[in-house]
Amino acid sequence: MAQIEKFKHFLRSKRYSESTVTTYSEALKSFLVFYREKPIAEIDNEDVIIYNNEYVLKNNLSASYQNQIVNAIKLFFQTIRETKILVDKIHRPKRAKVLPNVLSKEEIKLILNAHSNLKHKTILSLIYSCGLRCGELLVLQPVHIDSKRNLVLLKNAKGKKDRIAPLSPKILEMLREYYKVHKPTTYLFEGQIKGQPYDARSLQLILKQALQKTGITKPATLHWLRHSFATHLLESGTDLRYIQELLGHSSSKTTE
């Protein structure tokens, strides 16, 4: 569909990540296919409501998916000259207030000590102690570790925003030991091929194996470590604004 391709070009020109380009264009595609008999110039706000009721709700799709649809529709109709859509009037779904999935400090301790493999242990420890997203860890390079100032520089984090995270002396010591043993070249954590980043699926497997070894039955993902990092900071009295900076959130609402 030519419109979808044009939309993809538009998103890329705005420097959206490839995963967001894919998500938004797939969401838009389902909306445009739903109204394939109607000219795009004739689609109005009422059609968005009908689509939400007749497609999203009928198929039991989540509020977060509906939110992605809204984002895609808003961005798409900003690029269309002839339209009846009033972009600012497109309403968003009310999102459920779900508490983040969190592991206790005791569970975190067990998970971080589960692996005897130095690389696996270092990966999990770094994700938790710096509150990293998986994507941030995978693109880390040795030059991003500032051992003089005890900092890690996170390049091209989500939303193309660089940020820094503090490194504890204990983690820095672990990184030094890891570096001596594995001697990474391009990326801090490389796969079986030198110079190639670690595989994202293998990353989740490291946590899965740690959970099996410790007998923790919670369906934890690596993102739980990030949630746990933030929650444990909050519990120890750290200011929410500082946690927001550490996590790289644009809005305090996300952190809250």
C-alpha atoms as a PDB file:
ATOM      1  CA  MET A   1       0.000   0.000   0.000  1.00  0.00           C
ATOM      2  CA  ALA A   2       1.561   3.272  -1.203  1.00  0.00           C
ATOM      3  CA  GLN A   3       0.191   5.287   1.748  1.00  0.00           C
ATOM      4  CA  ILE A   4       1.888   2.969   4.247  1.00  0.00           C
ATOM      5  CA  GLU A   5       5.219   3.287   2.437  1.00  0.00           C
ATOM      6  CA  LYS A   6       4.918   7.093   2.427  1.00  0.00           C
ATOM      7  CA  PHE A   7       4.102   6.950   6.138  1.00  0.00           C
ATOM      8  CA  LYS A   8       7.208   4.826   6.789  1.00  0.00           C
ATOM      9  CA  HIS A   9       9.373   7.390   4.950  1.00  0.00           C
ATOM     10  CA  PHE A  10       7.808  10.143   7.053  1.00  0.00           C
ATOM     11  CA  LEU A  11       8.531   8.306  10.331  1.00  0.00           C
ATOM     12  CA  ARG A  12      12.116   7.567   9.304  1.00  0.00           C
ATOM     13  CA  SER A  13      12.649  11.214   8.368  1.00  0.00           C
ATOM     14  CA  LYS A  14      11.511  12.081  11.914  1.00  0.00           C
ATOM     15  CA  ARG A  15      14.177   9.633  13.187  1.00  0.00           C
ATOM     16  CA  TYR A  16      11.787   7.137  14.765  1.00  0.00           C
ATOM     17  CA  SER A  17      13.444   3.794  15.546  1.00  0.00           C
ATOM     18  CA  GLU A  18      12.856   0.885  13.138  1.00  0.00           C
ATOM     19  CA  SER A  19      10.824  -1.002  15.751  1.00  0.00           C
ATOM     20  CA  THR A  20       8.508   2.036  16.162  1.00  0.00           C
ATOM     21  CA  VAL A  21       8.248   2.422  12.365  1.00  0.00           C
ATOM     22  CA  THR A  22       7.139  -1.227  12.120  1.00  0.00           C
ATOM     23  CA  THR A  23       4.708  -0.989  15.063  1.00  0.00           C
ATOM     24  CA  TYR A  24       3.045   2.226  13.845  1.00  0.00           C
ATOM     25  CA  SER A  25       2.811   1.205  10.192  1.00  0.00           C
ATOM     26  CA  GLU A  26       1.256  -2.180  11.126  1.00  0.00           C
ATOM     27  CA  ALA A  27      -1.221  -0.390  13.407  1.00  0.00           C
ATOM     28  CA  LEU A  28      -2.106   2.110  10.668  1.00  0.00           C
ATOM     29  CA  LYS A  29      -2.448  -0.702   8.127  1.00  0.00           C
ATOM     30  CA  SER A  30      -5.141  -2.419  10.221  1.00  0.00           C
ATOM     31  CA  PHE A  31      -7.034   0.900  10.461  1.00  0.00           C
ATOM     32  CA  LEU A  32      -6.828   1.655   6.717  1.00  0.00           C
ATOM     33  CA  VAL A  33      -7.774  -1.939   5.783  1.00  0.00           C
ATOM     34  CA  PHE A  34     -10.843  -1.586   8.040  1.00  0.00           C
ATOM     35  CA  TYR A  35     -11.863   1.458   5.921  1.00  0.00           C
ATOM     36  CA  ARG A  36     -10.605   0.159   2.562  1.00  0.00           C
ATOM     37  CA  GLU A  37     -13.963   1.020   0.906  1.00  0.00           C
ATOM     38  CA  LYS A  38     -13.815   4.634   2.086  1.00  0.00           C
ATOM     39  CA  PRO A  39     -11.601   7.367   0.550  1.00  0.00           C
ATOM     40  CA  ILE A  40      -8.954   8.533   3.062  1.00  0.00           C
ATOM     41  CA  ALA A  41     -10.078  12.150   2.620  1.00  0.00           C
ATOM     42  CA  GLU A  42     -13.564  11.138   3.869  1.00  0.00           C
ATOM     43  CA  ILE A  43     -12.420   9.446   7.108  1.00  0.00           C
ATOM     44  CA  ASP A  44     -13.400  11.485  10.156  1.00  0.00           C
ATOM     45  CA  ASN A  45     -13.162  11.287  13.966  1.00  0.00           C
ATOM     46  CA  GLU A  46     -16.382   9.291  14.238  1.00  0.00           C
ATOM     47  CA  ASP A  47     -14.730   6.580  12.128  1.00  0.00           C
ATOM     48  CA  VAL A  48     -11.936   6.292  14.701  1.00  0.00           C
ATOM     49  CA  ILE A  49     -14.522   5.690  17.452  1.00  0.00           C
ATOM     50  CA  ILE A  50     -16.319   3.082  15.297  1.00  0.00           C
ATOM     51  CA  TYR A  51     -12.998   1.348  14.570  1.00  0.00           C
ATOM     52  CA  ASN A  52     -12.161   1.237  18.296  1.00  0.00           C
ATOM     53  CA  ASN A  53     -15.555  -0.296  19.090  1.00  0.00           C
ATOM     54  CA  GLU A  54     -15.933  -2.620  16.114  1.00  0.00           C
ATOM     55  CA  TYR A  55     -12.325  -3.801  15.808  1.00  0.00           C
ATOM     56  CA  VAL A  56     -10.210  -3.081  18.916  1.00  0.00           C
ATOM     57  CA  LEU A  57     -12.830  -3.883  21.586  1.00  0.00           C
ATOM     58  CA  LYS A  58     -14.492  -6.733  19.671  1.00  0.00           C
ATOM     59  CA  ASN A  59     -11.116  -8.454  19.310  1.00  0.00           C
ATOM     60  CA  ASN A  60     -10.238  -7.836  22.979  1.00  0.00           C
ATOM     61  CA  LEU A  61      -7.116  -5.887  22.010  1.00  0.00           C
ATOM     62  CA  SER A  62      -5.278  -4.103  24.821  1.00  0.00           C
ATOM     63  CA  ALA A  63      -5.445  -0.423  25.750  1.00  0.00           C
ATOM     64  CA  SER A  64      -1.715  -0.126  24.968  1.00  0.00           C
ATOM     65  CA  TYR A  65      -2.349  -1.450  21.426  1.00  0.00           C
ATOM     66  CA  GLN A  66      -5.234   1.012  21.064  1.00  0.00           C
ATOM     67  CA  ASN A  67      -2.850   3.747  22.179  1.00  0.00           C
ATOM     68  CA  GLN A  68      -0.386   2.740  19.445  1.00  0.00           C
ATOM     69  CA  ILE A  69      -3.239   2.932  16.912  1.00  0.00           C
ATOM     70  CA  VAL A  70      -4.034   6.461  18.122  1.00  0.00           C
ATOM     71  CA  ASN A  71      -0.357   7.480  17.800  1.00  0.00           C
ATOM     72  CA  ALA A  72      -0.186   6.038  14.290  1.00  0.00           C
ATOM     73  CA  ILE A  73      -3.461   7.694  13.167  1.00  0.00           C
ATOM     74  CA  LYS A  74      -2.441  11.074  14.603  1.00  0.00           C
ATOM     75  CA  LEU A  75       0.961  11.005  12.876  1.00  0.00           C
ATOM     76  CA  PHE A  76      -0.498   9.725   9.597  1.00  0.00           C
ATOM     77  CA  PHE A  77      -3.232  12.363   9.333  1.00  0.00           C
ATOM     78  CA  GLN A  78      -0.723  15.111  10.073  1.00  0.00           C
ATOM     79  CA  THR A  79       0.865  14.185   6.721  1.00  0.00           C
ATOM     80  CA  ILE A  80      -2.428  14.208   4.765  1.00  0.00           C
ATOM     81  CA  ARG A  81      -3.512  17.507   3.192  1.00  0.00           C
ATOM     82  CA  GLU A  82      -7.139  16.693   2.478  1.00  0.00           C
ATOM     83  CA  THR A  83      -8.695  15.291   5.627  1.00  0.00           C
ATOM     84  CA  LYS A  84     -11.805  15.580   7.787  1.00  0.00           C
ATOM     85  CA  ILE A  85      -9.893  14.276  10.826  1.00  0.00           C
ATOM     86  CA  LEU A  86      -9.271  16.713  13.666  1.00  0.00           C
ATOM     87  CA  VAL A  87      -6.031  15.253  15.016  1.00  0.00           C
ATOM     88  CA  ASP A  88      -6.263  16.946  18.424  1.00  0.00           C
ATOM     89  CA  LYS A  89      -9.767  15.580  18.961  1.00  0.00           C
ATOM     90  CA  ILE A  90      -8.786  11.916  18.628  1.00  0.00           C
ATOM     91  CA  HIS A  91      -9.348  10.523  22.111  1.00  0.00           C
ATOM     92  CA  ARG A  92      -7.033   8.067  23.826  1.00  0.00           C
ATOM     93  CA  PRO A  93      -8.134   5.006  25.810  1.00  0.00           C
ATOM     94  CA  LYS A  94      -8.066   5.253  29.581  1.00  0.00           C
ATOM     95  CA  ARG A  95      -5.136   3.065  30.545  1.00  0.00           C
ATOM     96  CA  ALA A  96      -5.355   0.611  33.397  1.00  0.00           C
ATOM     97  CA  LYS A  97      -3.171   1.540  36.344  1.00  0.00           C
ATOM     98  CA  VAL A  98      -1.101  -1.640  36.560  1.00  0.00           C
ATOM     99  CA  LEU A  99       1.676  -1.859  39.105  1.00  0.00           C
ATOM    100  CA  PRO A 100       5.069  -2.717  37.608  1.00  0.00           C
ATOM    101  CA  ASN A 101       6.392  -6.233  38.017  1.00  0.00           C
ATOM    102  CA  VAL A 102       9.034  -6.120  40.720  1.00  0.00           C
ATOM    103  CA  LEU A 103      11.395  -8.617  42.346  1.00  0.00           C
ATOM    104  CA  SER A 104      12.372  -8.283  46.005  1.00  0.00           C
ATOM    105  CA  LYS A 105      15.929  -7.394  47.025  1.00  0.00           C
ATOM    106  CA  GLU A 106      16.400 -10.980  48.238  1.00  0.00           C
ATOM    107  CA  GLU A 107      15.244 -12.384  44.866  1.00  0.00           C
ATOM    108  CA  ILE A 108      17.554  -9.986  43.004  1.00  0.00           C
ATOM    109  CA  LYS A 109      20.481 -11.147  45.168  1.00  0.00           C
ATOM    110  CA  LEU A 110      19.732 -14.792  44.340  1.00  0.00           C
ATOM    111  CA  ILE A 111      19.427 -14.034  40.599  1.00  0.00           C
ATOM    112  CA  LEU A 112      22.691 -12.041  40.445  1.00  0.00           C
ATOM    113  CA  ASN A 113      24.555 -14.840  42.222  1.00  0.00           C
ATOM    114  CA  ALA A 114      22.929 -17.687  40.263  1.00  0.00           C
ATOM    115  CA  HIS A 115      25.468 -17.800  37.416  1.00  0.00           C
ATOM    116  CA  SER A 116      29.049 -18.948  37.804  1.00  0.00           C
ATOM    117  CA  ASN A 117      29.591 -17.753  34.198  1.00  0.00           C
ATOM    118  CA  LEU A 118      31.314 -14.345  34.553  1.00  0.00           C
ATOM    119  CA  LYS A 119      29.758 -12.825  31.405  1.00  0.00           C
ATOM    120  CA  HIS A 120      26.215 -13.800  32.419  1.00  0.00           C
ATOM    121  CA  LYS A 121      26.719 -12.594  35.971  1.00  0.00           C
ATOM    122  CA  THR A 122      28.128  -9.244  34.745  1.00  0.00           C
ATOM    123  CA  ILE A 123      25.256  -8.730  32.270  1.00  0.00           C
ATOM    124  CA  LEU A 124      22.548  -9.239  34.904  1.00  0.00           C
ATOM    125  CA  SER A 125      24.394  -7.165  37.512  1.00  0.00           C
ATOM    126  CA  LEU A 126      24.871  -4.248  35.096  1.00  0.00           C
ATOM    127  CA  ILE A 127      21.211  -4.270  33.947  1.00  0.00           C
ATOM    128  CA  TYR A 128      19.958  -4.188  37.542  1.00  0.00           C
ATOM    129  CA  SER A 129      22.508  -1.799  39.056  1.00  0.00           C
ATOM    130  CA  CYS A 130      22.082   0.803  36.283  1.00  0.00           C
ATOM    131  CA  GLY A 131      18.399   0.204  35.448  1.00  0.00           C
ATOM    132  CA  LEU A 132      19.214  -0.505  31.800  1.00  0.00           C
ATOM    133  CA  ARG A 133      16.873  -1.384  28.970  1.00  0.00           C
ATOM    134  CA  CYS A 134      17.973  -4.468  27.003  1.00  0.00           C
ATOM    135  CA  GLY A 135      18.617  -2.371  23.885  1.00  0.00           C
ATOM    136  CA  GLU A 136      20.902  -0.062  25.867  1.00  0.00           C
ATOM    137  CA  LEU A 137      22.990  -2.948  27.121  1.00  0.00           C
ATOM    138  CA  LEU A 138      23.363  -4.523  23.672  1.00  0.00           C
ATOM    139  CA  VAL A 139      24.882  -1.380  22.099  1.00  0.00           C
ATOM    140  CA  LEU A 140      27.277  -0.650  24.988  1.00  0.00           C
ATOM    141  CA  GLN A 141      30.923  -0.361  23.956  1.00  0.00           C
ATOM    142  CA  PRO A 142      34.036  -0.543  26.180  1.00  0.00           C
ATOM    143  CA  VAL A 143      34.637   3.192  25.545  1.00  0.00           C
ATOM    144  CA  HIS A 144      31.277   3.963  27.156  1.00  0.00           C
ATOM    145  CA  ILE A 145      32.599   2.894  30.565  1.00  0.00           C
ATOM    146  CA  ASP A 146      34.178   5.876  32.310  1.00  0.00           C
ATOM    147  CA  SER A 147      36.149   4.197  35.102  1.00  0.00           C
ATOM    148  CA  LYS A 148      37.676   7.479  36.338  1.00  0.00           C
ATOM    149  CA  ARG A 149      34.277   9.014  37.096  1.00  0.00           C
ATOM    150  CA  ASN A 150      32.454   5.726  37.797  1.00  0.00           C
ATOM    151  CA  LEU A 151      29.914   6.319  35.023  1.00  0.00           C
ATOM    152  CA  VAL A 152      28.444   4.455  32.075  1.00  0.00           C
ATOM    153  CA  LEU A 153      27.452   6.493  29.013  1.00  0.00           C
ATOM    154  CA  LEU A 154      24.284   5.223  27.369  1.00  0.00           C
ATOM    155  CA  LYS A 155      24.360   6.254  23.738  1.00  0.00           C
ATOM    156  CA  ASN A 156      21.225   6.501  21.602  1.00  0.00           C
ATOM    157  CA  ALA A 157      18.948   5.361  24.377  1.00  0.00           C
ATOM    158  CA  LYS A 158      15.174   5.271  23.749  1.00  0.00           C
ATOM    159  CA  GLY A 159      14.017   8.468  22.062  1.00  0.00           C
ATOM    160  CA  LYS A 160      17.576   9.122  20.777  1.00  0.00           C
ATOM    161  CA  LYS A 161      18.580  10.653  24.114  1.00  0.00           C
ATOM    162  CA  ASP A 162      22.045   9.963  25.496  1.00  0.00           C
ATOM    163  CA  ARG A 163      22.261   9.694  29.248  1.00  0.00           C
ATOM    164  CA  ILE A 164      24.685   8.672  31.972  1.00  0.00           C
ATOM    165  CA  ALA A 165      24.232   6.178  34.796  1.00  0.00           C
ATOM    166  CA  PRO A 166      26.414   5.856  37.897  1.00  0.00           C
ATOM    167  CA  LEU A 167      28.539   2.714  38.284  1.00  0.00           C
ATOM    168  CA  SER A 168      29.111   1.264  41.731  1.00  0.00           C
ATOM    169  CA  PRO A 169      32.765   0.397  42.553  1.00  0.00           C
ATOM    170  CA  LYS A 170      31.683  -3.256  42.962  1.00  0.00           C
ATOM    171  CA  ILE A 171      30.226  -3.388  39.410  1.00  0.00           C
ATOM    172  CA  LEU A 172      33.267  -1.561  38.023  1.00  0.00           C
ATOM    173  CA  GLU A 173      35.508  -4.208  39.592  1.00  0.00           C
ATOM    174  CA  MET A 174      33.356  -6.934  38.017  1.00  0.00           C
ATOM    175  CA  LEU A 175      33.595  -5.196  34.620  1.00  0.00           C
ATOM    176  CA  ARG A 176      37.392  -5.010  34.902  1.00  0.00           C
ATOM    177  CA  GLU A 177      37.580  -8.727  35.660  1.00  0.00           C
ATOM    178  CA  TYR A 178      35.184  -9.497  32.786  1.00  0.00           C
ATOM    179  CA  TYR A 179      37.206  -7.315  30.389  1.00  0.00           C
ATOM    180  CA  LYS A 180      40.479  -9.136  31.224  1.00  0.00           C
ATOM    181  CA  VAL A 181      38.905 -12.538  30.590  1.00  0.00           C
ATOM    182  CA  HIS A 182      36.754 -11.820  27.496  1.00  0.00           C
ATOM    183  CA  LYS A 183      38.667  -8.940  25.837  1.00  0.00           C
ATOM    184  CA  PRO A 184      35.669  -7.510  23.913  1.00  0.00           C
ATOM    185  CA  THR A 185      36.497  -5.557  20.760  1.00  0.00           C
ATOM    186  CA  THR A 186      33.599  -3.489  19.366  1.00  0.00           C
ATOM    187  CA  TYR A 187      30.801  -4.149  21.855  1.00  0.00           C
ATOM    188  CA  LEU A 188      31.133  -4.618  25.586  1.00  0.00           C
ATOM    189  CA  PHE A 189      29.100  -7.833  25.367  1.00  0.00           C
ATOM    190  CA  GLU A 190      29.671  -9.736  22.149  1.00  0.00           C
ATOM    191  CA  GLY A 191      28.168 -12.948  20.817  1.00  0.00           C
ATOM    192  CA  GLN A 192      30.123 -15.920  19.546  1.00  0.00           C
ATOM    193  CA  ILE A 193      31.400 -13.814  16.637  1.00  0.00           C
ATOM    194  CA  LYS A 194      33.906 -11.162  17.722  1.00  0.00           C
ATOM    195  CA  GLY A 195      32.764  -7.628  16.949  1.00  0.00           C
ATOM    196  CA  GLN A 196      29.073  -8.639  16.793  1.00  0.00           C
ATOM    197  CA  PRO A 197      26.629  -7.597  19.556  1.00  0.00           C
ATOM    198  CA  TYR A 198      25.141 -10.168  21.900  1.00  0.00           C
ATOM    199  CA  ASP A 199      21.864 -11.694  20.674  1.00  0.00           C
ATOM    200  CA  ALA A 200      18.731 -10.214  22.293  1.00  0.00           C
ATOM    201  CA  ARG A 201      17.049 -13.631  22.653  1.00  0.00           C
ATOM    202  CA  SER A 202      20.141 -15.110  24.315  1.00  0.00           C
ATOM    203  CA  LEU A 203      19.994 -12.182  26.747  1.00  0.00           C
ATOM    204  CA  GLN A 204      16.537 -13.209  28.004  1.00  0.00           C
ATOM    205  CA  LEU A 205      17.767 -16.811  28.261  1.00  0.00           C
ATOM    206  CA  ILE A 206      20.428 -15.728  30.799  1.00  0.00           C
ATOM    207  CA  LEU A 207      17.670 -14.562  33.155  1.00  0.00           C
ATOM    208  CA  LYS A 208      15.535 -17.631  32.459  1.00  0.00           C
ATOM    209  CA  GLN A 209      18.423 -19.908  33.475  1.00  0.00           C
ATOM    210  CA  ALA A 210      19.038 -17.830  36.634  1.00  0.00           C
ATOM    211  CA  LEU A 211      15.344 -18.176  37.597  1.00  0.00           C
ATOM    212  CA  GLN A 212      15.498 -21.945  37.096  1.00  0.00           C
ATOM    213  CA  LYS A 213      18.634 -22.216  39.244  1.00  0.00           C
ATOM    214  CA  THR A 214      17.132 -20.167  42.070  1.00  0.00           C
ATOM    215  CA  GLY A 215      13.667 -21.732  41.935  1.00  0.00           C
ATOM    216  CA  ILE A 216      11.947 -18.344  41.500  1.00  0.00           C
ATOM    217  CA  THR A 217       8.686 -19.037  39.675  1.00  0.00           C
ATOM    218  CA  LYS A 218       7.687 -15.454  38.819  1.00  0.00           C
ATOM    219  CA  PRO A 219       7.462 -14.930  35.002  1.00  0.00           C
ATOM    220  CA  ALA A 220      10.244 -12.316  35.192  1.00  0.00           C
ATOM    221  CA  THR A 221      11.802 -10.632  32.164  1.00  0.00           C
ATOM    222  CA  LEU A 222      14.922  -8.479  32.045  1.00  0.00           C
ATOM    223  CA  HIS A 223      12.696  -5.382  32.170  1.00  0.00           C
ATOM    224  CA  TRP A 224      11.636  -6.510  35.648  1.00  0.00           C
ATOM    225  CA  LEU A 225      15.228  -5.833  36.756  1.00  0.00           C
ATOM    226  CA  ARG A 226      14.814  -2.216  35.597  1.00  0.00           C
ATOM    227  CA  HIS A 227      11.493  -1.913  37.473  1.00  0.00           C
ATOM    228  CA  SER A 228      13.092  -3.461  40.555  1.00  0.00           C
ATOM    229  CA  PHE A 229      16.060  -1.069  40.383  1.00  0.00           C
ATOM    230  CA  ALA A 230      13.691   1.935  40.393  1.00  0.00           C
ATOM    231  CA  THR A 231      11.419   0.522  43.103  1.00  0.00           C
ATOM    232  CA  HIS A 232      14.321  -0.338  45.414  1.00  0.00           C
ATOM    233  CA  LEU A 233      15.696   3.205  44.989  1.00  0.00           C
ATOM    234  CA  LEU A 234      12.276   4.640  45.846  1.00  0.00           C
ATOM    235  CA  GLU A 235      11.970   2.382  48.891  1.00  0.00           C
ATOM    236  CA  SER A 236      15.358   3.582  50.128  1.00  0.00           C
ATOM    237  CA  GLY A 237      14.149   7.205  49.963  1.00  0.00           C
ATOM    238  CA  THR A 238      15.638   8.367  46.633  1.00  0.00           C
ATOM    239  CA  ASP A 239      13.904  11.384  45.099  1.00  0.00           C
ATOM    240  CA  LEU A 240      11.509  10.497  42.252  1.00  0.00           C
ATOM    241  CA  ARG A 241      12.953  13.235  40.017  1.00  0.00           C
ATOM    242  CA  TYR A 242      16.423  11.684  40.334  1.00  0.00           C
ATOM    243  CA  ILE A 243      15.038   8.214  39.537  1.00  0.00           C
ATOM    244  CA  GLN A 244      13.387   9.725  36.440  1.00  0.00           C
ATOM    245  CA  GLU A 245      16.791  10.999  35.270  1.00  0.00           C
ATOM    246  CA  LEU A 246      18.466   7.663  35.962  1.00  0.00           C
ATOM    247  CA  LEU A 247      15.829   5.786  33.961  1.00  0.00           C
ATOM    248  CA  GLY A 248      15.925   8.282  31.082  1.00  0.00           C
ATOM    249  CA  HIS A 249      12.173   8.993  31.205  1.00  0.00           C
ATOM    250  CA  SER A 250      11.004  12.165  29.436  1.00  0.00           C
ATOM    251  CA  SER A 251       7.901  12.409  31.598  1.00  0.00           C
ATOM    252  CA  SER A 252       7.644  12.048  35.372  1.00  0.00           C
ATOM    253  CA  LYS A 253       4.285  10.312  34.772  1.00  0.00           C
ATOM    254  CA  THR A 254       6.125   7.350  33.240  1.00  0.00           C
ATOM    255  CA  THR A 255       8.331   7.079  36.315  1.00  0.00           C
ATOM    256  CA  GLU A 256       5.368   7.406  38.652  1.00  0.00           C
END
